[in-house]
Amino acid sequence: MRHFRTLSAMTLSVCLLTFAADAQHDADATNTNLQTDPRAIQVILSPNAQVLSTFMGLGIQFDPYRDAPSPERWQIIKQRVVWAHPGFLRVISPAEDFFLGFDTQGKPIFVWQHPTPASEQRFHNLLAILDFAQQHDISVYLGESRPPRALGFDSVTDARWPAIVADFMDYLIHVRHYKVIQHYIFFNEPDGPWEWPDSAPDFDAWSKGIRNLRRDLDAHSLQQLAITGPDNSSMPDAPGEINLTWLDRSVKMLHEEFGSWEMHLYPTDAQIFGGEVETILKRAKQTILNNDPNGARKELFLAESGLLTGKIDALDQQPRVHTFSYGVEMADYVAQVVAAGWMGADAFHLDDAKLSNSNKPKLWGFWDSSPESDMAIRPWFYTWSLMSRLFPGGARMVTVGSTPVSSRFRAVAAHWTNGVGVQTTVMLVNDSDTPRTVELSRQGLEGNALTVYHYFSDDRPVNSKGFPVPAAVLTFKRKGSPLMLRMPSAGVIFVTTVPPTT
């Protein structure tokens, strides 16, 4: 849905002012006439604010397509990902994409050595993503779901599996010279029974596979390639719980093998609203700091991010990605990731056409590029892409003071330096339908102009490509006056020193 708004001279608050995308306005004049709301939430950026993390940025799961999209659609997909400006990509590619089996002497047969028409196309689909990432300097966390049973690997302890992975990484890094591949994820969601068709999840067996992979990577002079994980699902033992047992054991027993830490997290609505995501992530981070001597120097992020409430288990689909509220809750999710001191989160996932279950689309993405689909951008791309652009890799995520403390309201901020100078973004999230008034101090928001983006059910402006555009560009004649922001319902506001981008 597109919303183009025109200037209204009668309304007084920034949120209720409606602007064309390139409008300029004297914000001080607006605030002069605005009555102070005694119930307003005061949000202040302190110059001495605690730095919570140096951000990796936000990522996107971008797996190879089984059936490549048309050239026209592929161009649109790349254009949208470039706009979103991800800090990293998680790319899960099965062994069938690069490996054909063993010859009669037991030697591995790789696609780049003996291509067939079908295997060459699959390999091309993977390389297309890696080429795109290399072109735009986007880090890639490459990985595989499970032992490739169809190729004769029935167990994670089969030493041939990590050996072919190491051969593959050697080819990509030393032969094809992909500089963006610096991490490998071995075994998706190893704590999930769905990944162990013949047995229960086996931590000891999986640990052996991890150690074998580290040995084989080192043998190929790939010491710089970090094993990233444990990639645990964190799925609950009981409704409403988050299970961190696999992560806890990994940190205590495998901290020498893992070069960066991550897991998956799919909270319920109640866990989002109640702030439990922040509590869970703080506890997990403390476990890492307590048990990994180098934990403070390793990346720490969520490798799959989404919401559990509303998921159709039988199809592994989340129809709520079509809804406005999903975009609000995912902004709240990221706000809690930041508050917990984690360094990033990865959206699951980009495009329904890449994954399928029982020949049905894996409904989780920002859009569906299947031939029968119109590729319409879904609402949550709005907030995720803005967060990704306005909380970039290298940003210093800092604490934000807000009083009084209000339930289901969050504020986060970032500072970073680009070619122009120091930039700052503040994100305000109201995930309830209770109206909020926010008095945002301009201390820490340097410069004479601020760009404001809105994400509300009836107010989320976009351009002809469906990309977010500002609700207002505010210029100031005087320094120091705060902004009075009205949030009439559930929604998100971004205030940033970054000028609008076409």
Protein backbone atom coordinates (compact mmCIF):
# COMPACT_ATOMS: atom_id res chain seq x y z
CA MET A 1 0.00 0.00 0.00
CA ARG A 2 1.35 3.42 -0.91
CA HIS A 3 0.58 6.60 0.97
CA PHE A 4 1.54 9.95 -0.52
CA ARG A 5 0.78 12.85 1.77
CA THR A 6 0.55 16.61 1.18
CA LEU A 7 1.46 19.50 3.46
CA SER A 8 -1.12 20.36 6.13
CA ALA A 9 -0.61 23.74 7.79
CA MET A 10 -3.10 23.15 10.59
CA THR A 11 -1.60 20.20 12.46
CA LEU A 12 1.06 20.88 15.06
CA SER A 13 2.95 17.75 16.09
CA VAL A 14 5.69 16.27 13.94
CA CYS A 15 3.94 12.91 13.69
CA LEU A 16 0.66 14.48 12.62
CA LEU A 17 2.24 16.93 10.23
CA THR A 18 1.97 15.51 6.73
CA PHE A 19 4.64 16.29 4.18
CA ALA A 20 5.54 15.45 0.64
CA ALA A 21 8.73 13.42 0.41
CA ASP A 22 10.95 16.46 -0.23
CA ALA A 23 9.18 18.98 2.02
CA GLN A 24 11.18 21.40 4.20
CA HIS A 25 9.71 22.84 7.39
CA ASP A 26 10.77 25.11 10.26
CA ALA A 27 10.37 22.70 13.17
CA ASP A 28 10.87 25.46 15.75
CA ALA A 29 7.76 27.25 14.53
CA THR A 30 5.81 24.05 14.96
CA ASN A 31 7.10 23.45 18.47
CA THR A 32 6.48 27.07 19.51
CA ASN A 33 2.75 26.54 19.14
CA LEU A 34 2.65 23.03 20.56
CA GLN A 35 1.40 22.70 24.12
CA THR A 36 3.62 20.58 26.34
CA ASP A 37 2.02 17.27 27.16
CA PRO A 38 2.65 16.41 30.84
CA ARG A 39 2.23 12.73 29.97
CA ALA A 40 4.90 12.85 27.27
CA ILE A 41 7.71 10.31 27.36
CA GLN A 42 10.97 12.23 27.50
CA VAL A 43 13.72 10.65 25.41
CA ILE A 44 17.25 11.95 25.86
CA LEU A 45 20.53 11.08 24.17
CA SER A 46 23.31 11.61 26.66
CA PRO A 47 26.82 12.46 25.38
CA ASN A 48 28.07 9.94 27.96
CA ALA A 49 25.64 7.20 26.95
CA GLN A 50 26.88 3.66 27.41
CA VAL A 51 27.93 1.95 24.18
CA LEU A 52 26.02 -1.33 24.05
CA SER A 53 27.77 -2.79 21.02
CA THR A 54 29.51 -2.03 17.77
CA PHE A 55 26.83 -3.14 15.35
CA MET A 56 27.30 -5.65 12.54
CA GLY A 57 24.18 -4.25 10.91
CA LEU A 58 21.04 -6.20 10.12
CA GLY A 59 21.22 -9.24 7.87
CA ILE A 60 18.95 -11.08 5.47
CA GLN A 61 18.70 -14.81 4.78
CA PHE A 62 19.44 -15.05 1.05
CA ASP A 63 19.58 -18.72 0.04
CA PRO A 64 20.18 -19.95 -3.52
CA TYR A 65 17.09 -20.39 -5.65
CA ARG A 66 16.26 -23.89 -6.82
CA ASP A 67 14.62 -22.35 -9.88
CA ALA A 68 16.30 -19.12 -10.83
CA PRO A 69 14.02 -16.11 -11.22
CA SER A 70 13.72 -14.47 -14.61
CA PRO A 71 16.48 -11.96 -15.46
CA GLU A 72 13.99 -9.12 -14.98
CA ARG A 73 12.95 -10.34 -11.53
CA TRP A 74 16.54 -11.02 -10.53
CA GLN A 75 17.36 -7.38 -11.24
CA ILE A 76 14.44 -6.25 -9.08
CA ILE A 77 15.53 -8.56 -6.24
CA LYS A 78 19.09 -7.21 -6.32
CA GLN A 79 17.82 -3.63 -6.45
CA ARG A 80 15.69 -4.21 -3.35
CA VAL A 81 18.52 -5.85 -1.42
CA VAL A 82 20.87 -2.99 -2.31
CA TRP A 83 18.27 -0.54 -1.01
CA ALA A 84 17.96 -2.49 2.25
CA HIS A 85 21.74 -2.17 2.69
CA PRO A 86 22.22 -5.36 4.75
CA GLY A 87 25.22 -5.65 7.00
CA PHE A 88 25.52 -9.34 6.12
CA LEU A 89 23.80 -12.23 4.34
CA ARG A 90 23.15 -15.69 5.71
CA VAL A 91 23.37 -18.14 2.80
CA ILE A 92 22.47 -21.76 3.48
CA SER A 93 23.50 -23.90 0.51
CA PRO A 94 23.15 -27.72 0.53
CA ALA A 95 26.05 -29.90 -0.56
CA GLU A 96 24.10 -30.80 -3.70
CA ASP A 97 24.85 -27.29 -4.93
CA PHE A 98 28.55 -28.04 -5.28
CA PHE A 99 29.14 -31.78 -4.77
CA LEU A 100 28.16 -34.76 -6.95
CA GLY A 101 29.39 -37.75 -4.91
CA PHE A 102 32.47 -39.97 -4.91
CA ASP A 103 34.22 -41.74 -7.76
CA THR A 104 35.15 -45.42 -7.72
CA GLN A 105 38.35 -44.61 -5.83
CA GLY A 106 36.38 -42.75 -3.16
CA LYS A 107 37.54 -39.31 -4.27
CA PRO A 108 35.04 -36.43 -4.14
CA ILE A 109 33.51 -35.15 -7.39
CA PHE A 110 32.86 -31.42 -7.37
CA VAL A 111 30.60 -29.51 -9.75
CA TRP A 112 33.36 -27.15 -10.87
CA GLN A 113 35.39 -30.17 -12.01
CA HIS A 114 32.68 -32.30 -13.66
CA PRO A 115 29.56 -30.18 -14.23
CA THR A 116 26.27 -31.54 -15.47
CA PRO A 117 23.57 -29.21 -16.86
CA ALA A 118 21.44 -29.51 -13.72
CA SER A 119 24.29 -29.24 -11.23
CA GLU A 120 25.89 -26.38 -13.12
CA GLN A 121 22.66 -24.39 -12.86
CA ARG A 122 22.42 -24.98 -9.11
CA PHE A 123 26.04 -23.96 -8.71
CA HIS A 124 25.44 -20.85 -10.81
CA ASN A 125 22.50 -19.87 -8.58
CA LEU A 126 24.80 -19.95 -5.55
CA LEU A 127 27.62 -18.10 -7.28
CA ALA A 128 25.18 -15.40 -8.39
CA ILE A 129 24.52 -14.54 -4.74
CA LEU A 130 28.20 -14.64 -3.83
CA ASP A 131 29.06 -12.43 -6.82
CA PHE A 132 26.37 -9.96 -5.76
CA ALA A 133 27.74 -9.90 -2.20
CA GLN A 134 31.30 -9.44 -3.46
CA GLN A 135 30.23 -6.59 -5.74
CA HIS A 136 28.56 -4.75 -2.85
CA ASP A 137 31.04 -5.78 -0.13
CA ILE A 138 28.44 -7.59 2.00
CA SER A 139 29.74 -10.22 4.42
CA VAL A 140 28.44 -13.74 3.81
CA TYR A 141 27.78 -16.36 6.47
CA LEU A 142 27.77 -19.45 4.30
CA GLY A 143 26.52 -22.77 5.62
CA GLU A 144 24.63 -26.02 5.18
CA SER A 145 21.48 -27.42 6.76
CA ARG A 146 22.39 -31.01 7.66
CA PRO A 147 24.46 -34.02 6.55
CA PRO A 148 23.64 -34.57 2.84
CA ARG A 149 21.99 -37.97 3.14
CA ALA A 150 21.21 -38.19 -0.56
CA LEU A 151 24.96 -38.17 -1.23
CA GLY A 152 25.73 -40.91 1.29
CA PHE A 153 26.40 -38.92 4.47
CA ASP A 154 24.14 -40.44 7.10
CA SER A 155 25.86 -39.00 10.16
CA VAL A 156 27.37 -35.75 11.32
CA THR A 157 30.34 -37.83 12.51
CA ASP A 158 31.16 -38.93 8.94
CA ALA A 159 34.60 -37.31 8.52
CA ARG A 160 34.06 -37.01 4.76
CA TRP A 161 31.40 -34.32 5.21
CA PRO A 162 33.60 -31.63 6.85
CA ALA A 163 36.35 -32.65 4.44
CA ILE A 164 34.29 -31.75 1.35
CA VAL A 165 33.13 -28.54 3.04
CA ALA A 166 36.78 -27.58 3.56
CA ASP A 167 37.56 -28.41 -0.07
CA PHE A 168 34.64 -26.20 -1.13
CA MET A 169 35.75 -23.30 1.04
CA ASP A 170 39.29 -23.66 -0.28
CA TYR A 171 37.93 -23.37 -3.83
CA LEU A 172 35.73 -20.35 -3.11
CA ILE A 173 38.35 -18.42 -1.13
CA HIS A 174 41.68 -19.43 -2.67
CA VAL A 175 40.60 -20.06 -6.28
CA ARG A 176 37.60 -17.80 -6.84
CA HIS A 177 38.91 -15.20 -4.34
CA TYR A 178 35.69 -14.38 -2.53
CA LYS A 179 36.78 -11.97 0.18
CA VAL A 180 33.27 -11.67 1.67
CA ILE A 181 33.26 -15.28 2.92
CA GLN A 182 34.81 -15.19 6.37
CA HIS A 183 32.41 -17.44 8.30
CA TYR A 184 30.90 -20.90 7.93
CA ILE A 185 27.81 -22.31 9.66
CA PHE A 186 28.01 -26.08 10.08
CA PHE A 187 24.58 -27.71 10.53
CA ASN A 188 21.41 -25.62 10.72
CA GLU A 189 19.50 -25.89 14.03
CA PRO A 190 21.39 -28.92 15.38
CA ASP A 191 19.15 -29.01 18.46
CA GLY A 192 16.05 -29.52 16.31
CA PRO A 193 14.64 -33.07 16.05
CA TRP A 194 13.57 -32.26 12.48
CA GLU A 195 17.26 -32.24 11.49
CA TRP A 196 17.88 -35.73 12.92
CA PRO A 197 15.51 -38.08 11.05
CA ASP A 198 16.94 -41.30 12.52
CA SER A 199 17.79 -40.27 16.08
CA ALA A 200 17.42 -37.61 18.71
CA PRO A 201 19.69 -34.55 18.54
CA ASP A 202 23.16 -35.68 19.59
CA PHE A 203 25.38 -32.93 20.99
CA ASP A 204 28.46 -35.14 21.24
CA ALA A 205 28.18 -36.32 17.63
CA TRP A 206 27.66 -32.77 16.40
CA SER A 207 30.64 -31.59 18.46
CA LYS A 208 32.83 -34.14 16.73
CA GLY A 209 31.72 -32.76 13.37
CA ILE A 210 32.58 -29.22 14.49
CA ARG A 211 36.06 -30.28 15.60
CA ASN A 212 36.64 -32.21 12.37
CA LEU A 213 35.67 -29.15 10.34
CA ARG A 214 38.07 -26.89 12.25
CA ARG A 215 40.88 -29.39 11.65
CA ASP A 216 40.13 -29.64 7.92
CA LEU A 217 39.82 -25.88 7.41
CA ASP A 218 43.16 -25.35 9.12
CA ALA A 219 44.72 -28.01 6.87
CA HIS A 220 43.66 -25.88 3.88
CA SER A 221 45.26 -22.76 5.41
CA LEU A 222 41.83 -21.37 6.20
CA GLN A 223 42.52 -20.38 9.78
CA GLN A 224 40.88 -17.01 9.06
CA LEU A 225 37.58 -18.69 8.22
CA ALA A 226 35.56 -18.65 11.45
CA ILE A 227 33.13 -21.40 12.35
CA THR A 228 29.96 -19.61 13.39
CA GLY A 229 27.30 -21.09 15.59
CA PRO A 230 25.96 -23.04 17.27
CA ASP A 231 22.94 -21.99 15.15
CA ASN A 232 20.58 -23.57 17.67
CA SER A 233 16.86 -23.15 17.13
CA SER A 234 16.13 -22.14 20.76
CA MET A 235 12.74 -23.80 20.37
CA PRO A 236 11.01 -24.34 23.71
CA ASP A 237 10.71 -27.54 25.69
CA ALA A 238 7.34 -26.16 26.78
CA PRO A 239 5.10 -23.39 25.43
CA GLY A 240 6.38 -19.92 26.23
CA GLU A 241 9.96 -21.00 26.97
CA ILE A 242 13.21 -20.37 25.13
CA ASN A 243 15.69 -23.23 25.27
CA LEU A 244 19.35 -22.17 25.47
CA THR A 245 20.80 -25.52 26.55
CA TRP A 246 22.59 -26.15 23.25
CA LEU A 247 24.13 -22.69 23.27
CA ASP A 248 25.24 -23.05 26.89
CA ARG A 249 26.96 -26.38 26.23
CA SER A 250 28.61 -25.08 23.06
CA VAL A 251 30.08 -22.05 24.81
CA LYS A 252 31.50 -24.18 27.61
CA MET A 253 32.88 -27.00 25.43
CA LEU A 254 33.59 -25.55 21.98
CA HIS A 255 34.70 -21.96 22.51
CA GLU A 256 38.07 -22.72 20.92
CA GLU A 257 36.41 -23.96 17.73
CA PHE A 258 33.82 -21.20 17.32
CA GLY A 259 35.01 -17.84 16.04
CA SER A 260 31.65 -16.10 16.44
CA TRP A 261 28.44 -16.82 18.33
CA GLU A 262 24.88 -16.87 17.03
CA MET A 263 21.55 -18.60 17.45
CA HIS A 264 17.98 -18.44 16.15
CA LEU A 265 15.17 -16.75 18.04
CA TYR A 266 11.44 -16.86 17.25
CA PRO A 267 9.64 -15.32 20.22
CA THR A 268 5.91 -15.16 20.83
CA ASP A 269 4.00 -11.88 20.83
CA ALA A 270 3.84 -12.05 24.62
CA GLN A 271 7.63 -12.36 24.84
CA ILE A 272 8.05 -9.35 22.56
CA PHE A 273 5.52 -7.20 24.44
CA GLY A 274 6.89 -8.16 27.85
CA GLY A 275 10.54 -7.45 27.00
CA GLU A 276 11.52 -11.09 27.48
CA VAL A 277 13.67 -11.07 24.33
CA GLU A 278 16.04 -8.57 25.96
CA THR A 279 16.14 -10.63 29.18
CA ILE A 280 16.90 -13.88 27.32
CA LEU A 281 19.63 -12.33 25.21
CA LYS A 282 21.31 -10.67 28.17
CA ARG A 283 21.45 -14.02 29.93
CA ALA A 284 22.91 -15.71 26.84
CA LYS A 285 25.53 -12.99 26.42
CA GLN A 286 26.56 -13.32 30.05
CA THR A 287 27.00 -17.08 29.57
CA ILE A 288 29.38 -16.35 26.71
CA LEU A 289 31.34 -13.76 28.66
CA ASN A 290 31.61 -16.10 31.64
CA ASN A 291 32.75 -19.18 29.71
CA ASP A 292 34.58 -18.04 26.57
CA PRO A 293 37.88 -16.27 27.36
CA ASN A 294 37.65 -14.50 24.00
CA GLY A 295 33.88 -14.07 24.02
CA ALA A 296 33.96 -10.28 24.33
CA ARG A 297 35.94 -10.06 21.08
CA LYS A 298 33.67 -12.33 19.02
CA GLU A 299 30.64 -11.37 16.98
CA LEU A 300 27.32 -12.05 18.67
CA PHE A 301 24.14 -12.03 16.63
CA LEU A 302 20.87 -13.73 15.78
CA ALA A 303 21.17 -15.85 12.65
CA GLU A 304 17.41 -16.24 12.11
CA SER A 305 14.86 -13.72 13.32
CA GLY A 306 11.08 -13.90 13.11
CA LEU A 307 7.91 -14.25 15.17
CA LEU A 308 6.39 -17.50 16.41
CA THR A 309 2.80 -16.41 17.11
CA GLY A 310 0.63 -17.17 14.09
CA LYS A 311 3.06 -19.67 12.53
CA ILE A 312 1.46 -22.61 10.71
CA ASP A 313 3.60 -25.48 11.99
CA ALA A 314 2.50 -28.09 9.46
CA LEU A 315 3.65 -25.90 6.56
CA ASP A 316 6.34 -23.89 8.34
CA GLN A 317 4.67 -20.68 7.18
CA GLN A 318 4.13 -17.33 8.83
CA PRO A 319 1.17 -15.60 7.13
CA ARG A 320 1.54 -12.60 9.44
CA VAL A 321 4.35 -11.28 7.22
CA HIS A 322 1.46 -9.81 5.22
CA THR A 323 0.36 -7.69 8.18
CA PHE A 324 1.33 -4.21 9.32
CA SER A 325 1.79 -5.42 12.92
CA TYR A 326 4.60 -7.79 11.93
CA GLY A 327 6.70 -4.77 10.96
CA VAL A 328 6.09 -3.09 14.31
CA GLU A 329 6.94 -6.19 16.34
CA MET A 330 10.11 -6.87 14.36
CA ALA A 331 11.22 -3.30 15.13
CA ASP A 332 10.55 -4.01 18.82
CA TYR A 333 12.50 -7.27 18.41
CA VAL A 334 15.55 -5.41 17.07
CA ALA A 335 15.25 -2.75 19.78
CA GLN A 336 15.55 -5.51 22.38
CA VAL A 337 18.48 -7.12 20.52
CA VAL A 338 20.26 -3.76 20.74
CA ALA A 339 19.37 -3.22 24.40
CA ALA A 340 20.78 -6.65 25.26
CA GLY A 341 24.15 -5.72 23.75
CA TRP A 342 23.96 -8.08 20.79
CA MET A 343 25.50 -6.96 17.51
CA GLY A 344 22.94 -7.81 14.86
CA ALA A 345 20.02 -9.90 13.68
CA ASP A 346 19.22 -11.71 10.45
CA ALA A 347 15.76 -11.57 8.88
CA PHE A 348 14.23 -14.90 7.97
CA HIS A 349 13.89 -14.57 5.07
CA LEU A 350 14.17 -12.70 1.76
CA ASP A 351 11.88 -14.35 -0.76
CA ASP A 352 9.23 -17.07 -0.59
CA ALA A 353 10.31 -18.38 -3.98
CA LYS A 354 13.64 -19.59 -2.59
CA LEU A 355 12.23 -22.12 -0.16
CA SER A 356 9.32 -24.49 -0.31
CA ASN A 357 7.65 -27.15 1.81
CA SER A 358 5.42 -29.79 0.21
CA ASN A 359 5.58 -27.81 -3.05
CA LYS A 360 4.03 -24.80 -1.34
CA PRO A 361 5.75 -21.43 -0.85
CA LYS A 362 7.67 -21.07 2.39
CA LEU A 363 5.70 -18.02 3.47
CA TRP A 364 8.15 -15.98 5.55
CA GLY A 365 9.72 -13.47 3.18
CA PHE A 366 9.64 -9.82 2.21
CA TRP A 367 7.94 -10.83 -1.05
CA ASP A 368 7.35 -13.77 -3.39
CA SER A 369 9.11 -13.73 -6.76
CA SER A 370 7.46 -16.93 -8.02
CA PRO A 371 6.24 -16.54 -11.63
CA GLU A 372 2.60 -16.51 -10.53
CA SER A 373 3.23 -13.80 -7.88
CA ASP A 374 3.22 -10.02 -8.31
CA MET A 375 6.36 -9.58 -6.14
CA ALA A 376 4.53 -7.05 -3.94
CA ILE A 377 6.69 -5.79 -1.07
CA ARG A 378 5.25 -6.78 2.32
CA PRO A 379 4.97 -4.29 5.19
CA TRP A 380 7.81 -5.56 7.35
CA PHE A 381 10.35 -4.74 4.64
CA TYR A 382 9.61 -1.10 5.50
CA THR A 383 10.90 -1.23 9.06
CA TRP A 384 13.61 -3.84 8.45
CA SER A 385 15.16 -1.94 5.53
CA LEU A 386 15.07 1.37 7.42
CA MET A 387 16.67 -0.19 10.48
CA SER A 388 19.30 -1.76 8.25
CA ARG A 389 20.08 1.53 6.50
CA LEU A 390 19.96 3.69 9.62
CA PHE A 391 21.76 1.27 11.99
CA PRO A 392 24.64 0.32 9.65
CA GLY A 393 27.60 -1.92 10.27
CA GLY A 394 30.13 -0.17 12.49
CA ALA A 395 27.52 1.98 14.25
CA ARG A 396 27.88 2.44 17.99
CA MET A 397 24.59 1.41 19.55
CA VAL A 398 24.02 3.43 22.71
CA THR A 399 21.65 3.53 25.65
CA VAL A 400 18.79 6.01 25.49
CA GLY A 401 17.21 7.56 28.56
CA SER A 402 13.42 7.70 28.63
CA THR A 403 11.11 8.76 31.46
CA PRO A 404 8.74 7.64 32.63
CA VAL A 405 9.40 3.99 31.80
CA SER A 406 6.44 2.86 29.69
CA SER A 407 5.43 -0.68 28.82
CA ARG A 408 5.46 -1.63 25.16
CA PHE A 409 7.48 1.45 24.24
CA ARG A 410 11.18 1.35 23.32
CA ALA A 411 13.80 3.80 22.13
CA VAL A 412 17.20 2.94 20.68
CA ALA A 413 19.92 5.06 19.08
CA ALA A 414 23.06 4.73 17.00
CA HIS A 415 26.03 6.97 16.19
CA TRP A 416 28.46 6.39 13.34
CA THR A 417 30.77 8.30 11.04
CA ASN A 418 30.48 8.39 7.28
CA GLY A 419 32.15 10.55 4.62
CA VAL A 420 30.14 13.58 5.71
CA GLY A 421 30.63 13.36 9.46
CA VAL A 422 28.99 11.92 12.57
CA GLN A 423 25.47 10.62 11.95
CA THR A 424 22.81 9.71 14.51
CA THR A 425 19.54 7.78 14.32
CA VAL A 426 16.89 7.36 17.00
CA MET A 427 14.14 4.75 16.62
CA LEU A 428 10.95 4.94 18.67
CA VAL A 429 8.68 1.90 18.83
CA ASN A 430 5.14 1.83 20.18
CA ASP A 431 3.88 -1.73 19.87
CA SER A 432 0.49 -1.07 21.50
CA ASP A 433 -2.51 0.88 20.28
CA THR A 434 -2.12 3.28 23.21
CA PRO A 435 -1.26 6.73 21.80
CA ARG A 436 2.11 8.09 22.88
CA THR A 437 3.56 11.56 22.92
CA VAL A 438 7.34 11.66 22.89
CA GLU A 439 9.48 14.69 23.67
CA LEU A 440 12.78 13.95 21.94
CA SER A 441 15.71 16.05 23.04
CA ARG A 442 17.86 17.27 20.16
CA GLN A 443 20.97 16.87 22.29
CA GLY A 444 23.08 14.37 20.35
CA LEU A 445 21.17 14.98 17.12
CA GLU A 446 23.73 17.32 15.63
CA GLY A 447 23.14 19.51 12.60
CA ASN A 448 20.40 21.78 11.34
CA ALA A 449 18.22 19.20 9.59
CA LEU A 450 16.56 15.96 10.61
CA THR A 451 14.83 13.37 8.45
CA VAL A 452 11.75 11.68 9.91
CA TYR A 453 10.25 8.38 8.74
CA HIS A 454 6.85 7.04 9.85
CA TYR A 455 5.59 3.49 9.94
CA PHE A 456 1.90 3.61 10.91
CA SER A 457 -0.99 1.65 9.48
CA ASP A 458 -2.22 4.62 7.44
CA ASP A 459 1.01 6.59 7.21
CA ARG A 460 4.07 4.92 5.71
CA PRO A 461 5.09 6.83 2.59
CA VAL A 462 6.86 5.02 -0.26
CA ASN A 463 8.21 5.92 -3.68
CA SER A 464 7.36 4.33 -7.01
CA LYS A 465 9.60 1.34 -6.23
CA GLY A 466 7.90 0.70 -2.89
CA PHE A 467 10.87 1.96 -0.85
CA PRO A 468 10.35 4.14 2.26
CA VAL A 469 10.54 7.90 1.87
CA PRO A 470 10.53 10.54 4.62
CA ALA A 471 7.36 11.78 6.21
CA ALA A 472 9.20 15.04 6.90
CA VAL A 473 12.53 16.77 6.51
CA LEU A 474 12.86 19.28 9.35
CA THR A 475 15.15 22.30 9.32
CA PHE A 476 15.96 24.38 12.38
CA LYS A 477 16.69 28.07 12.93
CA ARG A 478 17.51 27.67 16.60
CA LYS A 479 19.37 25.06 18.57
CA GLY A 480 18.16 23.17 21.56
CA SER A 481 14.39 22.97 21.20
CA PRO A 482 13.08 19.40 21.53
CA LEU A 483 10.85 17.63 19.06
CA MET A 484 7.35 16.76 20.17
CA LEU A 485 6.40 13.54 18.38
CA ARG A 486 2.92 12.09 18.42
CA MET A 487 2.44 8.34 17.93
CA PRO A 488 -1.32 7.98 17.51
CA SER A 489 -1.26 4.17 17.58
CA ALA A 490 1.05 1.21 17.20
CA GLY A 491 3.92 2.18 14.93
CA VAL A 492 7.52 3.25 14.54
CA ILE A 493 9.24 6.61 14.05
CA PHE A 494 12.82 7.09 12.89
CA VAL A 495 14.56 10.44 13.42
CA THR A 496 17.96 10.68 11.74
CA THR A 497 20.61 13.16 10.69
CA VAL A 498 21.07 11.18 7.46
CA PRO A 499 19.66 13.11 4.48
CA PRO A 500 16.93 11.47 2.38
CA THR A 501 18.13 9.02 -0.25
CA THR A 502 16.46 8.72 -3.63
